[in-house]
Protein backbone atom coordinates (compact mmCIF):
# COMPACT_ATOMS: atom_id res chain seq x y z
CA MET A 1 -4.99 79.08 46.21
CA GLY A 2 -6.85 80.13 49.49
CA LEU A 3 -9.94 82.37 48.92
CA PHE A 4 -8.18 85.74 50.40
CA ASN A 5 -5.52 85.13 47.58
CA TRP A 6 -8.74 85.05 45.18
CA PHE A 7 -9.80 88.34 46.01
CA THR A 8 -6.06 89.82 46.42
CA GLN A 9 -5.24 91.23 42.98
CA GLU A 10 -0.94 91.95 43.27
CA VAL A 11 0.42 94.92 41.15
CA ALA A 12 3.85 96.22 40.74
CA ILE A 13 3.91 99.28 40.08
CA ASP A 14 6.70 101.77 38.52
CA LEU A 15 5.54 105.38 39.70
CA GLY A 16 7.92 107.48 37.51
CA THR A 17 7.99 111.27 36.64
CA ALA A 18 7.36 110.75 33.11
CA ASN A 19 5.69 107.26 33.02
CA THR A 20 3.88 104.93 34.80
CA LEU A 21 4.10 101.09 34.07
CA ILE A 22 2.43 98.08 36.25
CA ILE A 23 3.03 94.44 35.85
CA HIS A 24 0.13 92.24 36.74
CA ASN A 25 0.42 88.38 36.02
CA ASP A 26 3.92 88.93 35.23
CA LYS A 27 3.14 90.97 32.19
CA VAL A 28 3.40 94.90 31.40
CA VAL A 29 -0.18 95.40 31.15
CA VAL A 30 0.21 99.29 31.61
CA ASP A 31 2.24 101.77 30.23
CA GLU A 32 1.21 105.16 30.44
CA PRO A 33 2.56 108.79 30.54
CA SER A 34 2.04 110.12 34.67
CA ILE A 35 -0.11 112.86 33.85
CA VAL A 36 -3.55 113.57 35.06
CA ALA A 37 -6.23 116.15 32.88
CA PHE A 38 -8.94 117.68 35.45
CA ASP A 39 -11.85 119.51 34.81
CA ARG A 40 -11.31 123.06 36.90
CA THR A 41 -15.33 123.26 37.77
CA THR A 42 -15.90 120.00 38.82
CA ASN A 43 -12.36 118.93 39.63
CA LYS A 44 -12.97 115.71 38.22
CA VAL A 45 -10.55 113.26 36.26
CA ILE A 46 -11.13 113.71 32.54
CA ALA A 47 -8.30 111.55 31.46
CA ILE A 48 -5.27 110.20 32.58
CA GLY A 49 -2.07 108.91 30.73
CA LYS A 50 -1.29 109.03 27.13
CA GLN A 51 -5.45 110.94 26.63
CA ALA A 52 -4.06 113.32 29.43
CA MET A 53 -0.82 113.74 27.71
CA GLN A 54 -2.39 114.63 24.30
CA MET A 55 -4.06 117.39 25.97
CA GLU A 56 -1.08 118.97 27.56
CA GLY A 57 -0.17 122.21 26.16
CA LYS A 58 -3.49 122.39 24.12
CA THR A 59 -5.85 123.18 27.01
CA HIS A 60 -8.74 125.72 27.58
CA ASP A 61 -9.20 127.46 30.85
CA ASN A 62 -11.61 124.79 32.10
CA ILE A 63 -8.83 121.76 31.65
CA ARG A 64 -5.68 121.86 33.84
CA THR A 65 -3.06 119.04 33.26
CA ALA A 66 -1.09 118.45 36.35
CA ARG A 67 1.88 115.93 36.33
CA PRO A 68 1.52 114.17 39.99
CA LEU A 69 5.34 113.73 40.32
CA ARG A 70 8.37 115.90 40.32
CA ASP A 71 11.89 114.54 40.33
CA GLY A 72 10.93 111.32 41.36
CA VAL A 73 8.87 111.95 44.55
CA ILE A 74 5.33 112.88 44.68
CA ALA A 75 4.48 116.63 44.16
CA ASP A 76 0.67 116.79 44.04
CA PHE A 77 -0.72 114.32 46.21
CA THR A 78 -4.40 114.30 45.00
CA ALA A 79 -3.28 113.77 41.43
CA ALA A 80 -0.96 111.15 42.51
CA GLU A 81 -3.96 109.30 44.30
CA HIS A 82 -6.35 109.48 40.87
CA LEU A 83 -2.95 108.81 38.77
CA ILE A 84 -2.34 105.48 40.37
CA ARG A 85 -6.35 104.95 40.98
CA GLY A 86 -6.56 105.44 37.24
CA MET A 87 -3.68 103.18 36.03
CA VAL A 88 -5.39 100.49 38.38
CA LYS A 89 -8.40 100.66 36.71
CA LEU A 90 -6.61 100.28 33.22
CA VAL A 91 -5.39 96.96 34.70
CA ASN A 92 -8.95 95.85 35.65
CA LYS A 93 -10.53 97.11 32.48
CA GLY A 94 -13.75 95.20 31.35
CA LYS A 95 -14.06 93.63 34.49
CA SER A 96 -16.54 96.44 36.39
CA TRP A 97 -17.48 93.82 38.54
CA PHE A 98 -14.73 92.76 40.01
CA PHE A 99 -13.30 94.85 42.69
CA PRO A 100 -10.65 93.01 44.81
CA SER A 101 -8.29 94.40 47.50
CA LEU A 102 -4.93 95.32 46.14
CA ARG A 103 -1.51 94.08 47.26
CA MET A 104 1.22 96.65 45.56
CA VAL A 105 4.88 96.59 45.56
CA VAL A 106 6.04 100.56 44.33
CA CYS A 107 9.05 101.10 43.67
CA ILE A 108 10.53 104.92 45.23
CA PRO A 109 14.62 106.42 44.43
CA SER A 110 17.20 105.85 47.16
CA GLY A 111 17.44 109.19 48.01
CA ILE A 112 14.01 109.58 49.43
CA THR A 113 13.12 111.26 52.80
CA GLU A 114 11.01 109.90 55.13
CA VAL A 115 7.75 112.26 54.23
CA GLU A 116 8.12 111.74 50.86
CA LYS A 117 7.71 108.09 51.80
CA ARG A 118 4.86 108.30 53.59
CA ALA A 119 3.31 110.40 50.67
CA VAL A 120 3.71 107.73 48.25
CA ARG A 121 2.37 104.71 50.95
CA ASP A 122 -0.74 107.08 51.69
CA SER A 123 -1.46 107.43 47.85
CA ALA A 124 -1.27 104.16 47.57
CA GLU A 125 -3.39 103.62 50.14
CA ILE A 126 -6.23 106.28 49.28
CA ALA A 127 -5.95 104.57 45.65
CA GLY A 128 -7.21 101.13 47.31
CA ALA A 129 -4.35 99.31 48.20
CA LYS A 130 -4.48 96.98 51.27
CA GLU A 131 -0.67 96.15 51.52
CA VAL A 132 1.92 98.22 50.45
CA TYR A 133 5.50 97.34 49.93
CA LEU A 134 8.42 100.18 48.85
CA ILE A 135 11.32 99.00 47.18
CA HIS A 136 14.14 101.35 46.18
CA GLU A 137 14.69 101.49 42.37
CA PRO A 138 18.79 100.80 42.08
CA MET A 139 17.30 97.39 43.92
CA ALA A 140 14.96 96.86 41.99
CA ALA A 141 16.81 97.68 38.44
CA ALA A 142 19.35 95.42 39.91
CA VAL A 143 16.83 92.58 39.89
CA GLY A 144 14.84 93.30 36.55
CA ILE A 145 18.60 92.98 34.45
CA GLY A 146 19.03 89.48 36.07
CA ILE A 147 21.74 90.63 38.93
CA ASP A 148 21.95 88.06 41.80
CA VAL A 149 21.77 90.84 44.31
CA GLU A 150 22.47 88.37 47.57
CA GLU A 151 25.54 87.51 46.13
CA PRO A 152 28.70 89.38 48.30
CA VAL A 153 29.87 91.08 44.87
CA GLY A 154 29.62 94.51 44.38
CA ASN A 155 27.70 95.74 41.31
CA MET A 156 26.74 99.47 40.35
CA ILE A 157 23.88 100.73 38.61
CA ILE A 158 22.98 103.66 37.38
CA ASP A 159 19.27 104.22 36.77
CA ILE A 160 18.52 107.33 34.80
CA GLY A 161 14.74 108.28 34.59
CA GLY A 162 12.37 111.36 34.38
CA GLY A 163 12.97 112.67 37.66
CA THR A 164 16.04 111.29 38.80
CA THR A 165 19.52 109.69 38.58
CA GLU A 166 19.66 106.91 41.15
CA ILE A 167 23.68 105.19 41.28
CA ALA A 168 24.18 102.89 43.42
CA VAL A 169 26.78 99.98 44.49
CA ILE A 170 25.07 97.01 45.45
CA ALA A 171 26.34 94.01 47.24
CA LEU A 172 24.34 91.32 49.49
CA SER A 173 20.92 92.54 49.24
CA GLY A 174 21.57 96.09 49.94
CA ILE A 175 22.66 99.31 48.66
CA VAL A 176 25.98 99.78 50.31
CA CYS A 177 26.52 103.47 48.92
CA ASP A 178 24.64 105.43 46.77
CA GLN A 179 23.90 108.90 44.97
CA SER A 180 20.64 109.98 44.34
CA ILE A 181 20.15 113.47 41.75
CA ARG A 182 17.79 115.28 40.01
CA VAL A 183 19.15 115.58 36.93
CA ALA A 184 17.43 113.26 34.95
CA GLY A 185 15.19 113.44 31.49
CA ASP A 186 13.01 116.14 32.32
CA ASN A 187 16.18 118.26 32.85
CA PHE A 188 17.34 116.97 29.25
CA ASP A 189 13.58 118.29 28.23
CA SER A 190 14.03 122.03 29.38
CA ASP A 191 17.77 121.69 28.48
CA ILE A 192 16.56 121.35 25.02
CA VAL A 193 13.66 124.02 25.34
CA GLN A 194 15.89 126.84 26.22
CA TYR A 195 18.59 126.24 23.73
CA ILE A 196 15.89 126.41 20.57
CA ARG A 197 14.55 129.46 22.36
CA ARG A 198 18.03 130.97 22.86
CA GLN A 199 19.91 129.63 19.60
CA HIS A 200 16.98 129.61 17.03
CA ASN A 201 14.64 132.39 18.87
CA ILE A 202 12.03 129.34 18.71
CA MET A 203 9.69 128.33 21.86
CA ILE A 204 8.81 125.35 21.64
CA GLY A 205 6.92 123.28 24.52
CA ASP A 206 8.08 120.37 26.63
CA ARG A 207 6.77 117.56 24.16
CA THR A 208 7.84 118.44 20.89
CA ALA A 209 11.39 118.74 23.25
CA GLU A 210 11.12 115.08 24.69
CA LYS A 211 10.11 114.54 20.36
CA ILE A 212 13.46 115.97 19.39
CA LYS A 213 15.25 113.95 22.45
CA ILE A 214 14.14 110.76 21.02
CA LYS A 215 14.48 111.58 17.43
CA VAL A 216 18.17 113.17 18.07
CA GLY A 217 19.40 113.02 21.44
CA ALA A 218 23.04 112.38 21.85
CA ALA A 219 26.13 112.66 24.50
CA LEU A 220 28.58 112.71 22.27
CA PRO A 221 28.96 115.20 19.38
CA GLU A 222 30.64 112.43 17.34
CA LEU A 223 28.73 109.21 16.64
CA GLN A 224 29.54 106.29 14.60
CA ASP A 225 26.08 105.75 13.46
CA PRO A 226 24.19 109.51 13.61
CA PRO A 227 20.68 110.23 13.25
CA GLU A 228 19.54 112.11 10.99
CA ASP A 229 18.57 115.65 11.18
CA PHE A 230 14.85 116.55 12.80
CA ALA A 231 12.37 118.84 11.67
CA VAL A 232 11.23 121.09 14.72
CA GLN A 233 7.80 123.28 14.38
CA GLY A 234 7.53 126.13 16.75
CA ARG A 235 6.66 130.30 17.71
CA ASP A 236 8.86 132.48 16.26
CA LEU A 237 9.71 134.73 18.98
CA MET A 238 10.65 137.60 16.83
CA THR A 239 7.32 137.37 14.96
CA GLY A 240 5.09 135.32 16.99
CA ILE A 241 4.21 133.15 13.29
CA PRO A 242 4.78 129.32 13.58
CA LYS A 243 8.09 128.45 11.82
CA GLN A 244 9.81 125.21 11.19
CA ILE A 245 13.70 124.27 11.59
CA THR A 246 15.86 121.35 11.38
CA VAL A 247 18.31 120.20 14.57
CA SER A 248 21.02 118.00 14.23
CA TYR A 249 22.35 115.24 17.23
CA THR A 250 25.14 117.51 16.99
CA GLU A 251 23.62 120.83 18.72
CA ILE A 252 21.67 118.09 21.06
CA ALA A 253 24.60 116.70 22.77
CA HIS A 254 25.95 120.53 22.63
CA CYS A 255 23.18 121.71 24.68
CA LEU A 256 22.91 118.56 27.05
CA ASP A 257 26.39 118.84 28.05
CA LYS A 258 26.02 120.55 31.48
CA SER A 259 23.53 117.97 32.68
CA ILE A 260 25.31 114.80 31.49
CA SER A 261 28.21 116.34 33.77
CA LYS A 262 26.61 116.61 36.33
CA ILE A 263 25.36 112.87 35.99
CA GLU A 264 29.27 112.06 35.85
CA GLU A 265 30.26 114.01 38.74
CA ALA A 266 28.06 112.14 40.58
CA ILE A 267 29.14 108.82 39.31
CA LEU A 268 32.59 109.54 40.26
CA LYS A 269 31.59 110.51 43.57
CA ALA A 270 29.59 107.18 44.31
CA LEU A 271 33.21 105.57 43.40
CA GLU A 272 35.01 107.40 45.29
CA ILE A 273 32.98 106.09 48.49
CA THR A 274 32.63 102.60 47.16
CA PRO A 275 34.92 100.41 49.93
CA PRO A 276 37.74 98.91 48.00
CA GLU A 277 36.99 95.52 48.22
CA LEU A 278 33.81 96.42 46.19
CA SER A 279 35.64 98.55 43.92
CA ALA A 280 37.72 95.57 42.89
CA ASP A 281 34.26 93.73 41.79
CA ILE A 282 32.75 97.27 39.88
CA TYR A 283 36.40 96.75 37.83
CA GLN A 284 35.42 93.58 37.02
CA THR A 285 31.97 93.39 36.67
CA GLY A 286 31.29 97.16 35.56
CA ILE A 287 28.36 99.52 35.10
CA TYR A 288 24.55 98.81 34.25
CA LEU A 289 22.62 101.49 33.01
CA THR A 290 18.88 101.58 33.36
CA GLY A 291 15.97 103.81 32.71
CA GLY A 292 14.94 105.83 29.85
CA GLY A 293 18.47 107.97 29.90
CA ALA A 294 20.20 104.95 28.80
CA LEU A 295 18.67 105.13 25.41
CA LEU A 296 20.35 108.77 24.97
CA ARG A 297 22.83 108.04 22.33
CA GLY A 298 26.51 107.44 23.11
CA LEU A 299 25.40 108.03 26.86
CA ASP A 300 27.41 104.58 27.66
CA LYS A 301 30.77 105.70 25.73
CA ARG A 302 31.14 108.75 27.66
CA ILE A 303 30.77 107.11 31.10
CA GLN A 304 32.81 104.40 29.51
CA ALA A 305 35.20 107.23 28.93
CA LYS A 306 35.35 108.88 31.81
CA THR A 307 35.19 105.98 34.30
CA LYS A 308 37.57 103.67 32.25
CA LEU A 309 34.83 100.91 33.08
CA PRO A 310 32.90 98.56 30.83
CA VAL A 311 29.83 100.04 30.63
CA HIS A 312 26.66 98.02 29.97
CA VAL A 313 23.40 99.07 28.78
CA ALA A 314 20.43 96.87 29.95
CA GLU A 315 18.07 95.14 27.54
CA ASP A 316 15.01 96.89 27.29
CA PRO A 317 16.06 99.79 29.75
CA LEU A 318 12.76 101.33 30.21
CA ARG A 319 11.03 98.09 31.74
CA ALA A 320 14.46 97.37 34.22
CA VAL A 321 12.51 99.00 37.03
CA VAL A 322 9.15 97.57 36.61
CA ARG A 323 10.60 93.85 35.87
CA GLY A 324 12.03 93.87 38.88
CA THR A 325 9.27 95.32 41.20
CA GLY A 326 7.27 92.34 39.63
CA ILE A 327 10.13 89.73 40.14
CA ALA A 328 10.24 91.12 43.80
CA LEU A 329 6.14 91.11 44.14
CA LYS A 330 6.23 87.62 42.74
CA ASN A 331 8.66 86.20 45.03
CA ILE A 332 7.53 88.30 48.29
CA GLY A 333 8.78 85.76 50.65
CA ARG A 334 12.26 85.69 49.38
CA PHE A 335 13.06 89.60 48.71
CA LYS A 336 11.05 91.09 51.74
CA PHE A 337 14.25 92.27 53.49
CA LEU A 338 14.62 94.62 50.38
CA MET A 339 10.97 96.06 51.04
CA GLN A 340 9.81 98.81 53.57
């Protein structure tokens, strides 16, 4: 190992709208919500990740919480820089004397513009990275679930994250055709907030909506193994008094229907523009689902019914993208052509 390598730390980052994951030395060392809490008077960072998440929706006038990413891209440049810097510090926890130069591979949505790409690169550089490589999320997800992306075989990847749903057909180390839509986990949360407000006259926050999605979220109104009803606490809009109700998975499936239909439309559009030879491959290999959205109960069955194609949910879909980013970082010579 050369002296330069000794002072260079390599990190692979999945900078997500909902969660940020970092791989270092082949291990996921950071898995935290993408949120930063600031002191309004001094503008200093008070907390990041889980600590900041606990403050969200419960802050007083002196504290503000910010989610630096919206729809898969950086919306708050300063907060994004603090988030990356804070997350990298977590990698080196307990090594206050050690400040290595950083080589980062960051994954980005496939539908990202040049300006948005520049924002990711600049944030990473300001946070201390000497070398920054960008890799598209569907490509990282394909590598992460063990697909040989260099083969002349078509594979369709659907990565449903917090801010975007990425649909891509991959062959010969490249994305042949893709669809990137800004309908994903965050939209599911806001659908749940609106439904509970409209149907039950109760106001809930985004954190509660996310809990509902995890506990009783479903894409189909009839499941073979249904989850138990979930108790939800919120503020009664008529009286202003805190109140508790129970919601079932059938209700949530009904309220998520419109957003899931948009994802299905994008999948069909991507299949429409796929070259016929690759369509033949996809008929054999099927569709691969990754990202947090892949965990929604019955989503694979629903997509299978719509496309008449086999649908496989990746093992540990939440970490598929960051795992692929980590593999690309480790084999940077081999996968350099995938990066920008």
